[in-house]
C-alpha atoms as a PDB file:
ATOM      1  CA  MET A   1       9.673 -50.036  -0.306  1.00  0.00           C
ATOM      2  CA  LYS A   2       7.522 -50.236   2.801  1.00  0.00           C
ATOM      3  CA  ASN A   3       8.819 -46.807   3.971  1.00  0.00           C
ATOM      4  CA  LEU A   4       8.005 -45.293   0.588  1.00  0.00           C
ATOM      5  CA  PHE A   5       4.442 -46.625   0.829  1.00  0.00           C
ATOM      6  CA  ILE A   6       4.033 -45.143   4.322  1.00  0.00           C
ATOM      7  CA  ILE A   7       5.414 -41.764   3.202  1.00  0.00           C
ATOM      8  CA  LEU A   8       3.140 -41.648   0.121  1.00  0.00           C
ATOM      9  CA  THR A   9       0.100 -42.667   2.189  1.00  0.00           C
ATOM     10  CA  ALA A  10       0.890 -39.957   4.755  1.00  0.00           C
ATOM     11  CA  LEU A  11       1.275 -37.324   2.022  1.00  0.00           C
ATOM     12  CA  ILE A  12      -2.045 -38.281   0.437  1.00  0.00           C
ATOM     13  CA  PHE A  13      -3.761 -38.180   3.847  1.00  0.00           C
ATOM     14  CA  ILE A  14      -2.315 -34.759   4.738  1.00  0.00           C
ATOM     15  CA  THR A  15      -3.207 -33.306   1.334  1.00  0.00           C
ATOM     16  CA  SER A  16      -6.759 -34.661   1.454  1.00  0.00           C
ATOM     17  CA  CYS A  17      -7.283 -33.304   4.994  1.00  0.00           C
ATOM     18  CA  GLU A  18      -6.376 -29.807   3.807  1.00  0.00           C
ATOM     19  CA  LEU A  19      -9.027 -30.057   1.097  1.00  0.00           C
ATOM     20  CA  LEU A  20     -11.724 -31.002   3.639  1.00  0.00           C
ATOM     21  CA  PHE A  21     -11.417 -27.806   5.644  1.00  0.00           C
ATOM     22  CA  ASP A  22     -12.630 -24.445   4.361  1.00  0.00           C
ATOM     23  CA  PRO A  23      -9.956 -21.773   4.436  1.00  0.00           C
ATOM     24  CA  GLU A  24     -10.521 -18.879   6.813  1.00  0.00           C
ATOM     25  CA  PRO A  25     -12.731 -16.314   5.081  1.00  0.00           C
ATOM     26  CA  GLU A  26     -11.130 -13.008   4.192  1.00  0.00           C
ATOM     27  CA  LEU A  27     -12.692  -9.628   3.618  1.00  0.00           C
ATOM     28  CA  PRO A  28     -12.741  -8.545  -0.030  1.00  0.00           C
ATOM     29  CA  PRO A  29     -10.516  -5.612  -0.925  1.00  0.00           C
ATOM     30  CA  VAL A  30     -11.972  -2.098  -0.962  1.00  0.00           C
ATOM     31  CA  THR A  31     -12.714  -1.422  -4.644  1.00  0.00           C
ATOM     32  CA  GLU A  32     -14.853   0.975  -6.687  1.00  0.00           C
ATOM     33  CA  GLU A  33     -15.593  -0.866  -9.958  1.00  0.00           C
ATOM     34  CA  GLY A  34     -18.944  -2.584  -9.345  1.00  0.00           C
ATOM     35  CA  ASN A  35     -17.292  -5.922  -8.537  1.00  0.00           C
ATOM     36  CA  GLY A  36     -20.281  -7.294  -6.609  1.00  0.00           C
ATOM     37  CA  THR A  37     -18.414  -7.573  -3.306  1.00  0.00           C
ATOM     38  CA  PHE A  38     -19.543  -7.067   0.281  1.00  0.00           C
ATOM     39  CA  GLY A  39     -17.959  -7.944   3.612  1.00  0.00           C
ATOM     40  CA  CYS A  40     -17.441  -6.821   7.185  1.00  0.00           C
ATOM     41  CA  LYS A  41     -16.607  -8.102  10.636  1.00  0.00           C
ATOM     42  CA  ILE A  42     -19.413  -8.769  13.086  1.00  0.00           C
ATOM     43  CA  ASN A  43     -18.122  -8.811  16.647  1.00  0.00           C
ATOM     44  CA  GLY A  44     -14.629  -9.412  15.252  1.00  0.00           C
ATOM     45  CA  GLU A  45     -15.493 -12.324  12.918  1.00  0.00           C
ATOM     46  CA  VAL A  46     -15.460 -12.041   9.120  1.00  0.00           C
ATOM     47  CA  TRP A  47     -18.997 -11.948   7.681  1.00  0.00           C
ATOM     48  CA  LEU A  48     -19.578 -12.445   3.949  1.00  0.00           C
ATOM     49  CA  PRO A  49     -22.814 -12.971   2.008  1.00  0.00           C
ATOM     50  CA  ASP A  50     -23.437 -16.677   1.423  1.00  0.00           C
ATOM     51  CA  ASP A  51     -26.218 -18.501  -0.422  1.00  0.00           C
ATOM     52  CA  ARG A  52     -25.285 -22.150   0.115  1.00  0.00           C
ATOM     53  CA  TYR A  53     -28.738 -23.024   1.432  1.00  0.00           C
ATOM     54  CA  LEU A  54     -30.871 -20.331  -0.220  1.00  0.00           C
ATOM     55  CA  ASN A  55     -34.140 -21.921  -1.349  1.00  0.00           C
ATOM     56  CA  SER A  56     -36.121 -18.827  -2.258  1.00  0.00           C
ATOM     57  CA  GLY A  57     -34.208 -18.058  -5.448  1.00  0.00           C
ATOM     58  CA  GLY A  58     -33.664 -14.497  -4.166  1.00  0.00           C
ATOM     59  CA  ASN A  59     -30.514 -12.432  -4.283  1.00  0.00           C
ATOM     60  CA  ILE A  60     -27.966 -12.696  -1.498  1.00  0.00           C
ATOM     61  CA  LEU A  61     -26.612  -9.266  -2.367  1.00  0.00           C
ATOM     62  CA  GLU A  62     -28.471  -6.369  -3.900  1.00  0.00           C
ATOM     63  CA  ALA A  63     -28.536  -2.606  -4.152  1.00  0.00           C
ATOM     64  CA  PHE A  64     -31.432  -0.670  -5.590  1.00  0.00           C
ATOM     65  CA  LEU A  65     -32.538   2.914  -5.891  1.00  0.00           C
ATOM     66  CA  ASN A  66     -36.036   3.467  -4.527  1.00  0.00           C
ATOM     67  CA  ARG A  67     -38.050   6.373  -6.039  1.00  0.00           C
ATOM     68  CA  GLY A  68     -34.825   7.600  -7.618  1.00  0.00           C
ATOM     69  CA  ILE A  69     -33.484   8.986  -4.328  1.00  0.00           C
ATOM     70  CA  ASP A  70     -33.172   6.382  -1.532  1.00  0.00           C
ATOM     71  CA  MET A  71     -30.555   3.615  -1.858  1.00  0.00           C
ATOM     72  CA  HIS A  72     -31.319   0.260  -0.246  1.00  0.00           C
ATOM     73  CA  ILE A  73     -28.482  -2.264   0.174  1.00  0.00           C
ATOM     74  CA  LYS A  74     -29.000  -5.796   1.488  1.00  0.00           C
ATOM     75  CA  ALA A  75     -26.608  -8.701   2.104  1.00  0.00           C
ATOM     76  CA  LEU A  76     -27.717 -12.175   3.188  1.00  0.00           C
ATOM     77  CA  TYR A  77     -25.875 -14.983   4.969  1.00  0.00           C
ATOM     78  CA  GLU A  78     -28.313 -17.830   4.442  1.00  0.00           C
ATOM     79  CA  PRO A  79     -26.640 -20.664   6.414  1.00  0.00           C
ATOM     80  CA  LYS A  80     -27.447 -18.740   9.609  1.00  0.00           C
ATOM     81  CA  SER A  81     -30.442 -16.700   8.344  1.00  0.00           C
ATOM     82  CA  GLN A  82     -28.579 -13.436   8.940  1.00  0.00           C
ATOM     83  CA  SER A  83     -28.809 -10.201   6.991  1.00  0.00           C
ATOM     84  CA  LEU A  84     -27.355  -6.700   6.950  1.00  0.00           C
ATOM     85  CA  GLU A  85     -29.371  -3.868   5.430  1.00  0.00           C
ATOM     86  CA  PHE A  86     -28.842  -0.168   4.811  1.00  0.00           C
ATOM     87  CA  THR A  87     -31.351   2.461   3.846  1.00  0.00           C
ATOM     88  CA  LEU A  88     -29.543   5.569   2.657  1.00  0.00           C
ATOM     89  CA  ARG A  89     -31.928   8.502   2.344  1.00  0.00           C
ATOM     90  CA  ASP A  90     -31.604  10.983  -0.541  1.00  0.00           C
ATOM     91  CA  ILE A  91     -28.320   9.379  -1.608  1.00  0.00           C
ATOM     92  CA  PHE A  92     -27.369  11.853  -4.346  1.00  0.00           C
ATOM     93  CA  ASN A  93     -27.788  14.874  -2.055  1.00  0.00           C
ATOM     94  CA  GLN A  94     -25.970  13.413   0.970  1.00  0.00           C
ATOM     95  CA  ASP A  95     -22.477  14.146   2.164  1.00  0.00           C
ATOM     96  CA  LYS A  96     -20.001  11.380   1.361  1.00  0.00           C
ATOM     97  CA  SER A  97     -20.012  10.411   5.050  1.00  0.00           C
ATOM     98  CA  ILE A  98     -23.502   9.338   6.107  1.00  0.00           C
ATOM     99  CA  GLN A  99     -24.341   9.090   9.799  1.00  0.00           C
ATOM    100  CA  PHE A 100     -26.768   6.362  10.855  1.00  0.00           C
ATOM    101  CA  TYR A 101     -29.831   7.181  12.938  1.00  0.00           C
ATOM    102  CA  GLN A 102     -32.876   5.390  14.294  1.00  0.00           C
ATOM    103  CA  GLN A 103     -35.036   3.573  11.749  1.00  0.00           C
ATOM    104  CA  GLU A 104     -38.163   5.515  12.710  1.00  0.00           C
ATOM    105  CA  THR A 105     -36.703   8.809  11.480  1.00  0.00           C
ATOM    106  CA  GLU A 106     -36.478  10.006   7.889  1.00  0.00           C
ATOM    107  CA  LYS A 107     -32.703   9.647   8.047  1.00  0.00           C
ATOM    108  CA  SER A 108     -30.337   6.875   6.944  1.00  0.00           C
ATOM    109  CA  PHE A 109     -30.109   3.757   9.114  1.00  0.00           C
ATOM    110  CA  ALA A 110     -28.675   0.239   9.240  1.00  0.00           C
ATOM    111  CA  SER A 111     -30.121  -2.993  10.600  1.00  0.00           C
ATOM    112  CA  VAL A 112     -28.921  -6.524  11.289  1.00  0.00           C
ATOM    113  CA  SER A 113     -31.107  -9.631  11.564  1.00  0.00           C
ATOM    114  CA  MET A 114     -29.701 -12.629  13.406  1.00  0.00           C
ATOM    115  CA  GLU A 115     -30.726 -16.299  13.278  1.00  0.00           C
ATOM    116  CA  ASP A 116     -32.653 -16.146  16.551  1.00  0.00           C
ATOM    117  CA  ASN A 117     -35.127 -13.561  15.178  1.00  0.00           C
ATOM    118  CA  CYS A 118     -33.173 -10.837  16.906  1.00  0.00           C
ATOM    119  CA  ASN A 119     -33.526  -7.673  14.801  1.00  0.00           C
ATOM    120  CA  LEU A 120     -31.069  -4.938  15.666  1.00  0.00           C
ATOM    121  CA  LYS A 121     -31.122  -1.355  14.417  1.00  0.00           C
ATOM    122  CA  THR A 122     -28.846   1.642  14.622  1.00  0.00           C
ATOM    123  CA  ASP A 123     -29.566   4.395  17.103  1.00  0.00           C
ATOM    124  CA  SER A 124     -28.687   8.072  16.657  1.00  0.00           C
ATOM    125  CA  ASN A 125     -25.019   8.566  15.752  1.00  0.00           C
ATOM    126  CA  SER A 126     -24.191   4.887  16.256  1.00  0.00           C
ATOM    127  CA  GLY A 127     -22.174   4.557  13.069  1.00  0.00           C
ATOM    128  CA  TYR A 128     -21.496   5.748   9.557  1.00  0.00           C
ATOM    129  CA  LEU A 129     -21.248   4.730   5.942  1.00  0.00           C
ATOM    130  CA  GLU A 130     -18.677   6.451   3.739  1.00  0.00           C
ATOM    131  CA  ILE A 131     -19.601   6.624   0.041  1.00  0.00           C
ATOM    132  CA  LEU A 132     -16.405   6.129  -1.959  1.00  0.00           C
ATOM    133  CA  LYS A 133     -18.141   6.191  -5.334  1.00  0.00           C
ATOM    134  CA  ILE A 134     -21.647   6.624  -6.665  1.00  0.00           C
ATOM    135  CA  ASP A 135     -21.855   6.549 -10.449  1.00  0.00           C
ATOM    136  CA  SER A 136     -25.352   7.103 -11.863  1.00  0.00           C
ATOM    137  CA  ILE A 137     -24.211   6.378 -15.446  1.00  0.00           C
ATOM    138  CA  ASN A 138     -22.635   2.949 -14.784  1.00  0.00           C
ATOM    139  CA  LYS A 139     -24.898   2.269 -11.751  1.00  0.00           C
ATOM    140  CA  ILE A 140     -22.034   1.665  -9.302  1.00  0.00           C
ATOM    141  CA  VAL A 141     -22.112   2.330  -5.573  1.00  0.00           C
ATOM    142  CA  ALA A 142     -19.099   1.602  -3.352  1.00  0.00           C
ATOM    143  CA  GLY A 143     -18.306   2.430   0.231  1.00  0.00           C
ATOM    144  CA  THR A 144     -17.100   1.493   3.681  1.00  0.00           C
ATOM    145  CA  PHE A 145     -19.019   1.322   6.951  1.00  0.00           C
ATOM    146  CA  GLU A 146     -18.901   0.784  10.711  1.00  0.00           C
ATOM    147  CA  PHE A 147     -21.715   0.819  13.224  1.00  0.00           C
ATOM    148  CA  ILE A 148     -23.164  -0.649  16.382  1.00  0.00           C
ATOM    149  CA  VAL A 149     -26.723  -1.986  16.426  1.00  0.00           C
ATOM    150  CA  PHE A 150     -28.838  -2.422  19.535  1.00  0.00           C
ATOM    151  CA  SER A 151     -31.862  -4.390  20.655  1.00  0.00           C
ATOM    152  CA  ASP A 152     -33.291  -5.918  23.800  1.00  0.00           C
ATOM    153  CA  CYS A 153     -31.815  -9.235  22.696  1.00  0.00           C
ATOM    154  CA  ASP A 154     -28.256  -8.225  21.768  1.00  0.00           C
ATOM    155  CA  THR A 155     -25.708  -5.579  20.793  1.00  0.00           C
ATOM    156  CA  VAL A 156     -23.622  -6.177  17.661  1.00  0.00           C
ATOM    157  CA  GLU A 157     -20.516  -4.299  16.541  1.00  0.00           C
ATOM    158  CA  VAL A 158     -19.978  -4.155  12.768  1.00  0.00           C
ATOM    159  CA  THR A 159     -16.477  -3.048  11.701  1.00  0.00           C
ATOM    160  CA  GLU A 160     -14.219  -2.945   8.601  1.00  0.00           C
ATOM    161  CA  GLY A 161     -17.277  -3.025   6.318  1.00  0.00           C
ATOM    162  CA  ARG A 162     -16.949  -2.524   2.576  1.00  0.00           C
ATOM    163  CA  PHE A 163     -19.075  -2.972  -0.515  1.00  0.00           C
ATOM    164  CA  ASP A 164     -18.697  -2.460  -4.267  1.00  0.00           C
ATOM    165  CA  LEU A 165     -21.963  -3.080  -6.101  1.00  0.00           C
ATOM    166  CA  ASN A 166     -23.934  -2.408  -9.225  1.00  0.00           C
ATOM    167  CA  TYR A 167     -27.363  -1.077  -8.366  1.00  0.00           C
ATOM    168  CA  TYR A 168     -30.645  -1.085 -10.211  1.00  0.00           C
ATOM    169  CA  GLU A 169     -33.642   1.241 -10.214  1.00  0.00           C
END
């Protein structure tokens, strides 16, 4: 009877320990249905939007069409005050593969903000975003991306990026 009690106690302890730890985050699958997903790897670690501590009531993930031509996509990871943003110029007249350039130009660019107020931006030909689907009827935009962003404070490599969003105008 004593052995049974020890075994049951050990099983309860092991099971409860598994519940205390968050599972390793995984990137969402690449889809094209407006599923509201976004993810990438930043310097090899999975990065997903997260609003656990968001106090502003804002969106952690959004895509909107500015002036009917420029697409702006933003994802927020609030626990560390990080964000990824894309500005895609003249989205409906672009090739499916969009090269990123410097923010100061009239071309498409990407930027990353880190928790230490380090704001990083793409430079000329430092990455791309591939549009898999843009549907102006159902307001869906989906794609994949990779880029490197630079600043005086850091260099960040963003890989295996994907998003599948509904956008608004």
